[in-house]
């Protein structure tokens, strides 16, 4: 198995491993706060150790992922802190009070101190806004984050789950105010979610923003577990969890259609040609897409991690990439259609 290489995060001088380890399922309890089964603390520690042994240094979590931060914090006491790049997020509900969620200065300052305590660290490498907050002015949110960089509690600012116009708006505002740059975007992006390419990726490429996609295997759909004709998701799977909570990004009711099965047919075909697993091909496709820094993989066991890391050290051919692109393509609505794509390539000098 190839050892991980490092990649520069956006235009910063920070280097991260070409795979980021997602910690959403890390925890000491059977279920996290979202009702998702966890790996348990013992297995979570084994996964992190295996990840670091393979050259990984980049771990992503969030304050709303149950006790994931605490598990990582206890594990980090046995490691050299400066060798790791730790990312977490702020936005979600952390208590019953009216100020226990959102992106107000009050909540951000409270949340960052809580995360620092749980992670047992004096600083957070990458602090990310989890989702947009319609109630809070951008100047309040990103002014507070800028202050946290200046006092050393966080080192870089990232965002997650923003639309293109929202991303560009905060990039422009930060530049106007002389604030710290937005260095990273965490969007959903995979063979079953190509809309990220319409404007988010072009903006990131133009502005020099790193891209660390979440759900690169579409919550398990692109892992090779599912076959045509099946009537329900596997018991205990991420797709079963998504179906229970009606998580429309990856639930069975939304994704069980001809487009999904056609994409899976193409991935299975390429996997056989390349002598790789379906998950490895799905991840490799994403790694080779322009503008992507590193996908965030989630693993509940060490064996899952090791299979996923089999996406490293080789490449899909241009023909295989084109075949997967064609199978996963969806009709592009106005104004993101061919006229927009032509203009984007010409003005931004981005290859098709």
Protein backbone atom coordinates (compact mmCIF):
# COMPACT_ATOMS: atom_id res chain seq x y z
CA UNK A 1 0.00 0.00 0.00
CA UNK A 2 1.40 3.38 -1.00
CA UNK A 3 2.29 5.82 1.75
CA UNK A 4 0.36 9.07 1.67
CA UNK A 5 1.86 12.13 0.06
CA UNK A 6 1.26 15.68 1.28
CA UNK A 7 -0.60 18.41 -0.56
CA UNK A 8 -0.67 22.16 -0.05
CA UNK A 9 -3.98 23.43 1.34
CA UNK A 10 -5.10 26.17 -1.03
CA UNK A 11 -2.57 28.98 -1.25
CA UNK A 12 -1.40 28.56 2.33
CA UNK A 13 1.95 27.14 3.39
CA UNK A 14 0.13 24.35 5.24
CA UNK A 15 0.59 20.80 3.94
CA UNK A 16 -1.97 18.09 4.64
CA UNK A 17 -2.07 14.40 3.78
CA UNK A 18 -3.76 13.56 0.47
CA UNK A 19 -6.48 11.80 2.47
CA UNK A 20 -8.27 13.43 5.41
CA UNK A 21 -9.69 11.14 8.11
CA UNK A 22 -13.27 11.99 9.02
CA UNK A 23 -14.19 11.44 12.66
CA UNK A 24 -17.98 11.65 12.49
CA UNK A 25 -18.33 8.04 13.68
CA UNK A 26 -15.69 8.27 16.41
CA UNK A 27 -17.08 8.08 19.91
CA UNK A 28 -17.12 6.24 23.21
CA UNK A 29 -20.87 5.54 23.08
CA UNK A 30 -22.80 3.22 20.74
CA UNK A 31 -24.53 6.14 19.01
CA UNK A 32 -23.50 9.72 18.40
CA UNK A 33 -25.86 12.66 18.88
CA UNK A 34 -27.22 12.16 15.35
CA UNK A 35 -28.26 8.57 16.07
CA UNK A 36 -25.41 7.17 13.95
CA UNK A 37 -23.61 4.05 15.19
CA UNK A 38 -20.02 4.82 16.25
CA UNK A 39 -16.81 2.81 16.07
CA UNK A 40 -16.35 2.90 19.83
CA UNK A 41 -13.32 4.55 21.40
CA UNK A 42 -11.00 1.55 21.21
CA UNK A 43 -11.56 1.05 17.48
CA UNK A 44 -11.46 4.81 16.84
CA UNK A 45 -7.99 4.95 18.41
CA UNK A 46 -6.84 1.99 16.29
CA UNK A 47 -8.11 3.74 13.15
CA UNK A 48 -6.28 6.98 13.99
CA UNK A 49 -3.08 5.10 14.77
CA UNK A 50 -3.28 3.19 11.49
CA UNK A 51 -3.99 6.41 9.60
CA UNK A 52 -0.92 8.14 11.05
CA UNK A 53 1.25 5.07 10.40
CA UNK A 54 0.30 5.32 6.70
CA UNK A 55 1.45 8.94 6.58
CA UNK A 56 -1.84 10.70 7.39
CA UNK A 57 -1.80 13.90 9.42
CA UNK A 58 -5.20 15.51 8.70
CA UNK A 59 -8.25 14.68 10.88
CA UNK A 60 -11.64 16.37 10.58
CA UNK A 61 -14.38 16.44 13.21
CA UNK A 62 -17.13 18.78 14.48
CA UNK A 63 -18.48 19.82 17.85
CA UNK A 64 -21.87 18.28 17.01
CA UNK A 65 -20.46 14.76 16.44
CA UNK A 66 -21.17 13.50 19.95
CA UNK A 67 -17.94 12.98 21.90
CA UNK A 68 -15.73 12.70 18.82
CA UNK A 69 -13.64 15.70 19.91
CA UNK A 70 -13.03 14.14 23.34
CA UNK A 71 -11.92 10.83 21.80
CA UNK A 72 -9.49 12.65 19.50
CA UNK A 73 -8.29 14.78 22.42
CA UNK A 74 -7.47 11.79 24.59
CA UNK A 75 -5.68 10.14 21.67
CA UNK A 76 -3.69 13.30 20.87
CA UNK A 77 -2.13 13.33 24.34
CA UNK A 78 -0.04 10.37 23.14
CA UNK A 79 1.10 12.12 19.93
CA UNK A 80 3.25 15.08 18.93
CA UNK A 81 0.66 17.80 18.43
CA UNK A 82 2.58 19.76 15.79
CA UNK A 83 2.71 16.72 13.51
CA UNK A 84 -1.10 16.74 13.21
CA UNK A 85 -3.55 19.02 11.41
CA UNK A 86 -6.83 19.00 13.35
CA UNK A 87 -10.02 20.49 11.92
CA UNK A 88 -13.33 20.99 13.68
CA UNK A 89 -16.49 23.02 13.09
CA UNK A 90 -18.93 25.45 14.68
CA UNK A 91 -22.60 26.24 13.97
CA UNK A 92 -24.82 23.43 15.27
CA UNK A 93 -26.95 23.20 18.41
CA UNK A 94 -24.87 22.54 21.51
CA UNK A 95 -27.49 23.19 24.18
CA UNK A 96 -31.08 24.28 24.87
CA UNK A 97 -30.47 28.02 25.05
CA UNK A 98 -31.11 30.53 22.25
CA UNK A 99 -27.39 31.28 21.97
CA UNK A 100 -26.26 27.65 22.02
CA UNK A 101 -26.14 27.49 18.22
CA UNK A 102 -25.49 29.69 15.21
CA UNK A 103 -22.62 31.91 14.15
CA UNK A 104 -22.94 34.85 16.53
CA UNK A 105 -19.77 36.17 18.15
CA UNK A 106 -21.11 34.95 21.50
CA UNK A 107 -21.65 31.38 20.32
CA UNK A 108 -18.40 31.17 18.35
CA UNK A 109 -16.32 32.34 21.33
CA UNK A 110 -18.05 29.86 23.62
CA UNK A 111 -17.84 27.00 21.11
CA UNK A 112 -14.15 27.42 20.33
CA UNK A 113 -13.23 27.31 24.01
CA UNK A 114 -15.32 24.18 24.44
CA UNK A 115 -13.67 22.49 21.45
CA UNK A 116 -10.18 23.44 22.66
CA UNK A 117 -10.94 21.89 26.04
CA UNK A 118 -12.36 18.69 24.55
CA UNK A 119 -9.50 18.33 22.08
CA UNK A 120 -6.97 19.06 24.87
CA UNK A 121 -5.05 21.40 22.60
CA UNK A 122 -4.03 25.08 22.82
CA UNK A 123 -5.01 25.70 19.18
CA UNK A 124 -7.18 24.37 16.34
CA UNK A 125 -5.46 24.17 12.97
CA UNK A 126 -8.57 24.59 10.79
CA UNK A 127 -11.78 26.01 12.27
CA UNK A 128 -14.73 25.70 9.91
CA UNK A 129 -18.17 27.25 9.71
CA UNK A 130 -20.39 24.17 9.40
CA UNK A 131 -23.31 25.75 7.49
CA UNK A 132 -24.70 29.17 6.60
CA UNK A 133 -26.51 31.16 9.33
CA UNK A 134 -29.21 33.46 7.96
CA UNK A 135 -29.64 35.21 11.34
CA UNK A 136 -26.10 36.49 11.80
CA UNK A 137 -24.34 39.18 9.72
CA UNK A 138 -21.22 37.96 7.94
CA UNK A 139 -19.17 40.77 9.51
CA UNK A 140 -20.02 39.49 12.97
CA UNK A 141 -19.18 35.87 12.15
CA UNK A 142 -15.97 36.33 10.23
CA UNK A 143 -14.82 39.27 12.32
CA UNK A 144 -14.98 36.94 15.33
CA UNK A 145 -13.09 34.20 13.46
CA UNK A 146 -10.43 36.72 12.41
CA UNK A 147 -10.00 37.71 16.05
CA UNK A 148 -9.51 34.06 17.00
CA UNK A 149 -6.68 33.75 14.48
CA UNK A 150 -5.06 36.89 15.86
CA UNK A 151 -5.08 35.58 19.45
CA UNK A 152 -3.81 32.14 18.39
CA UNK A 153 -6.80 29.97 19.24
CA UNK A 154 -7.25 28.96 15.60
CA UNK A 155 -4.76 29.04 12.73
CA UNK A 156 -6.86 28.89 9.56
CA UNK A 157 -10.52 29.56 8.68
CA UNK A 158 -12.63 27.26 6.51
CA UNK A 159 -16.26 26.92 5.51
CA UNK A 160 -18.55 24.02 4.74
CA UNK A 161 -21.83 23.59 2.86
CA UNK A 162 -21.95 27.09 1.35
CA UNK A 163 -23.52 27.91 -2.01
CA UNK A 164 -21.37 29.56 -4.66
CA UNK A 165 -22.69 33.08 -4.13
CA UNK A 166 -22.23 32.74 -0.37
CA UNK A 167 -18.65 31.57 -0.80
CA UNK A 168 -17.76 34.44 -3.13
CA UNK A 169 -19.45 36.94 -0.84
CA UNK A 170 -17.33 36.02 2.18
CA UNK A 171 -14.15 35.83 0.09
CA UNK A 172 -14.78 39.40 -1.12
CA UNK A 173 -15.76 40.67 2.33
CA UNK A 174 -12.65 39.21 3.97
CA UNK A 175 -10.48 40.83 1.32
CA UNK A 176 -12.24 44.20 1.74
CA UNK A 177 -11.90 44.11 5.54
CA UNK A 178 -8.27 42.96 5.53
CA UNK A 179 -9.21 39.78 7.39
CA UNK A 180 -7.65 36.34 7.24
CA UNK A 181 -8.41 34.51 3.99
CA UNK A 182 -10.85 31.63 3.72
CA UNK A 183 -8.42 28.81 2.97
CA UNK A 184 -10.68 25.80 2.58
CA UNK A 185 -14.14 24.67 1.46
CA UNK A 186 -15.71 21.40 2.62
CA UNK A 187 -18.54 20.52 0.19
CA UNK A 188 -20.33 17.32 -0.67
CA UNK A 189 -18.72 15.96 -3.85
CA UNK A 190 -18.75 12.46 -5.31
CA UNK A 191 -19.84 10.50 -8.40
CA UNK A 192 -23.47 10.87 -7.28
CA UNK A 193 -23.18 14.59 -6.49
CA UNK A 194 -21.64 16.47 -9.42
CA UNK A 195 -23.37 19.84 -8.89
CA UNK A 196 -20.37 20.94 -6.82
CA UNK A 197 -18.63 21.44 -10.17
CA UNK A 198 -21.08 24.07 -11.39
CA UNK A 199 -19.73 27.06 -9.49
CA UNK A 200 -18.12 26.01 -6.18
CA UNK A 201 -15.07 24.36 -7.74
CA UNK A 202 -14.46 27.16 -10.27
CA UNK A 203 -14.58 29.76 -7.48
CA UNK A 204 -12.17 27.72 -5.35
CA UNK A 205 -9.76 27.30 -8.25
CA UNK A 206 -9.91 31.00 -9.11
CA UNK A 207 -9.53 32.16 -5.51
CA UNK A 208 -6.93 29.56 -4.48
CA UNK A 209 -9.17 27.83 -1.92
CA UNK A 210 -8.51 24.22 -0.92
CA UNK A 211 -11.31 21.67 -1.37
CA UNK A 212 -11.81 18.75 1.04
CA UNK A 213 -14.99 16.92 -0.05
CA UNK A 214 -17.16 15.14 2.49
CA UNK A 215 -19.03 11.92 1.70
CA UNK A 216 -16.74 10.85 -1.17
CA UNK A 217 -18.46 7.45 -1.16
CA UNK A 218 -21.97 8.96 -0.97
CA UNK A 219 -22.62 7.54 2.47
CA UNK A 220 -21.75 4.00 1.33
CA UNK A 221 -23.48 3.94 -2.06
CA UNK A 222 -20.10 4.01 -3.82
CA UNK A 223 -18.47 1.42 -1.55
CA UNK A 224 -19.53 -1.66 -3.50
CA UNK A 225 -22.06 -2.87 -0.94
CA UNK A 226 -25.16 -2.47 -3.08
CA UNK A 227 -26.36 -4.31 -6.18
CA UNK A 228 -29.22 -3.82 -8.60
CA UNK A 229 -32.44 -5.44 -7.47
CA UNK A 230 -31.89 -5.05 -3.75
CA UNK A 231 -34.98 -3.86 -1.92
CA UNK A 232 -33.47 -2.23 1.18
CA UNK A 233 -30.15 -1.00 2.58
CA UNK A 234 -27.85 -3.26 4.56
CA UNK A 235 -28.63 -3.45 8.28
CA UNK A 236 -26.41 -1.14 10.32
CA UNK A 237 -25.17 0.70 7.22
CA UNK A 238 -24.86 4.46 6.72
CA UNK A 239 -27.62 4.23 4.11
CA UNK A 240 -29.97 2.58 6.63
CA UNK A 241 -29.19 5.38 9.09
CA UNK A 242 -29.83 7.98 6.37
CA UNK A 243 -33.17 6.35 5.55
CA UNK A 244 -34.25 6.44 9.19
CA UNK A 245 -33.61 10.17 9.58
CA UNK A 246 -34.59 11.02 5.97
CA UNK A 247 -31.11 12.35 5.12
CA UNK A 248 -31.83 12.98 1.45
CA UNK A 249 -28.18 13.23 0.45
CA UNK A 250 -27.78 9.46 0.77
CA UNK A 251 -31.06 7.83 1.88
CA UNK A 252 -32.46 4.78 0.08
CA UNK A 253 -35.68 6.48 -1.03
CA UNK A 254 -33.80 9.27 -2.80
CA UNK A 255 -30.85 7.40 -4.30
CA UNK A 256 -32.51 4.10 -5.30
CA UNK A 257 -33.05 5.09 -8.94
CA UNK A 258 -31.76 4.30 -12.42
CA UNK A 259 -29.13 7.04 -12.38
CA UNK A 260 -27.51 5.64 -9.23
CA UNK A 261 -27.48 2.09 -10.57
CA UNK A 262 -26.05 3.25 -13.90
CA UNK A 263 -23.22 5.02 -12.09
CA UNK A 264 -22.57 1.91 -10.00
CA UNK A 265 -22.53 -0.23 -13.17
CA UNK A 266 -19.80 2.00 -14.58
CA UNK A 267 -17.77 2.01 -11.35
CA UNK A 268 -18.00 -1.78 -11.08
CA UNK A 269 -16.81 -2.12 -14.68
CA UNK A 270 -13.81 0.16 -14.13
CA UNK A 271 -13.02 -1.57 -10.82
CA UNK A 272 -12.77 -4.94 -12.58
CA UNK A 273 -10.54 -3.45 -15.29
CA UNK A 274 -8.24 -1.82 -12.74
CA UNK A 275 -8.33 -4.77 -10.31
CA UNK A 276 -9.39 -2.42 -7.54
CA UNK A 277 -12.37 -2.23 -5.20
CA UNK A 278 -15.39 -0.09 -6.02
CA UNK A 279 -14.56 2.22 -3.11
CA UNK A 280 -10.98 2.63 -4.32
CA UNK A 281 -12.11 3.58 -7.83
CA UNK A 282 -14.71 6.03 -6.49
CA UNK A 283 -12.10 7.72 -4.30
CA UNK A 284 -9.48 7.70 -7.05
CA UNK A 285 -11.89 9.46 -9.43
CA UNK A 286 -12.37 12.23 -6.85
CA UNK A 287 -8.66 12.58 -6.09
CA UNK A 288 -7.96 13.10 -9.81
CA UNK A 289 -10.64 15.79 -10.28
CA UNK A 290 -9.23 19.31 -10.79
CA UNK A 291 -9.22 21.51 -7.70
CA UNK A 292 -9.62 18.74 -5.11
CA UNK A 293 -7.09 18.83 -2.27
CA UNK A 294 -8.07 15.66 -0.43
CA UNK A 295 -11.28 13.71 0.18
CA UNK A 296 -12.48 13.09 3.73
CA UNK A 297 -12.93 9.36 4.27
CA UNK A 298 -14.90 7.87 7.14
CA UNK A 299 -14.06 4.41 8.43
CA UNK A 300 -15.70 2.43 11.23
CA UNK A 301 -12.97 -0.22 11.27
CA UNK A 302 -9.26 -0.46 10.49
CA UNK A 303 -10.03 -2.85 7.63
CA UNK A 304 -12.34 -0.28 6.02
CA UNK A 305 -9.62 2.35 6.36
CA UNK A 306 -7.03 0.09 4.77
CA UNK A 307 -9.33 -0.73 1.83
CA UNK A 308 -10.04 2.96 1.28
CA UNK A 309 -6.33 3.82 1.37
CA UNK A 310 -5.91 1.43 -1.53
CA UNK A 311 -6.96 4.40 -3.69
CA UNK A 312 -3.42 5.76 -3.39
CA UNK A 313 -0.33 5.13 -5.48
CA UNK A 314 -1.98 4.51 -8.87
CA UNK A 315 -4.14 6.39 -11.38
CA UNK A 316 -7.25 5.90 -13.47
CA UNK A 317 -6.60 6.30 -17.18
CA UNK A 318 -8.00 9.26 -19.10
CA UNK A 319 -10.45 6.85 -20.76
CA UNK A 320 -11.63 5.49 -17.40
CA UNK A 321 -12.08 9.00 -16.00
CA UNK A 322 -14.09 9.96 -19.08
CA UNK A 323 -16.25 6.84 -18.74
CA UNK A 324 -17.03 7.63 -15.10
CA UNK A 325 -17.66 11.29 -15.94
CA UNK A 326 -20.14 10.32 -18.65
CA UNK A 327 -21.97 7.77 -16.49
CA UNK A 328 -22.35 10.20 -13.57
CA UNK A 329 -23.21 13.30 -15.60
CA UNK A 330 -26.57 14.96 -14.98
CA UNK A 331 -28.38 17.62 -17.02
CA UNK A 332 -26.98 21.04 -16.09
CA UNK A 333 -29.72 23.65 -15.66
CA UNK A 334 -29.53 27.30 -16.63
CA UNK A 335 -27.46 29.35 -15.95
CA UNK A 336 -24.77 26.69 -15.40
CA UNK A 337 -25.10 25.14 -18.86
CA UNK A 338 -22.76 25.16 -21.83
CA UNK A 339 -22.75 28.96 -22.32
CA UNK A 340 -21.69 29.44 -18.69
CA UNK A 341 -19.10 26.68 -18.89
CA UNK A 342 -17.58 28.21 -22.04
CA UNK A 343 -17.41 31.63 -20.42
CA UNK A 344 -15.90 30.20 -17.26
CA UNK A 345 -13.16 28.36 -19.14
CA UNK A 346 -12.32 31.39 -21.23
CA UNK A 347 -12.30 33.96 -18.43
CA UNK A 348 -10.78 31.81 -15.68
CA UNK A 349 -8.44 29.90 -17.99
CA UNK A 350 -9.69 26.60 -16.57
CA UNK A 351 -9.42 23.53 -18.75
CA UNK A 352 -12.60 21.65 -19.58
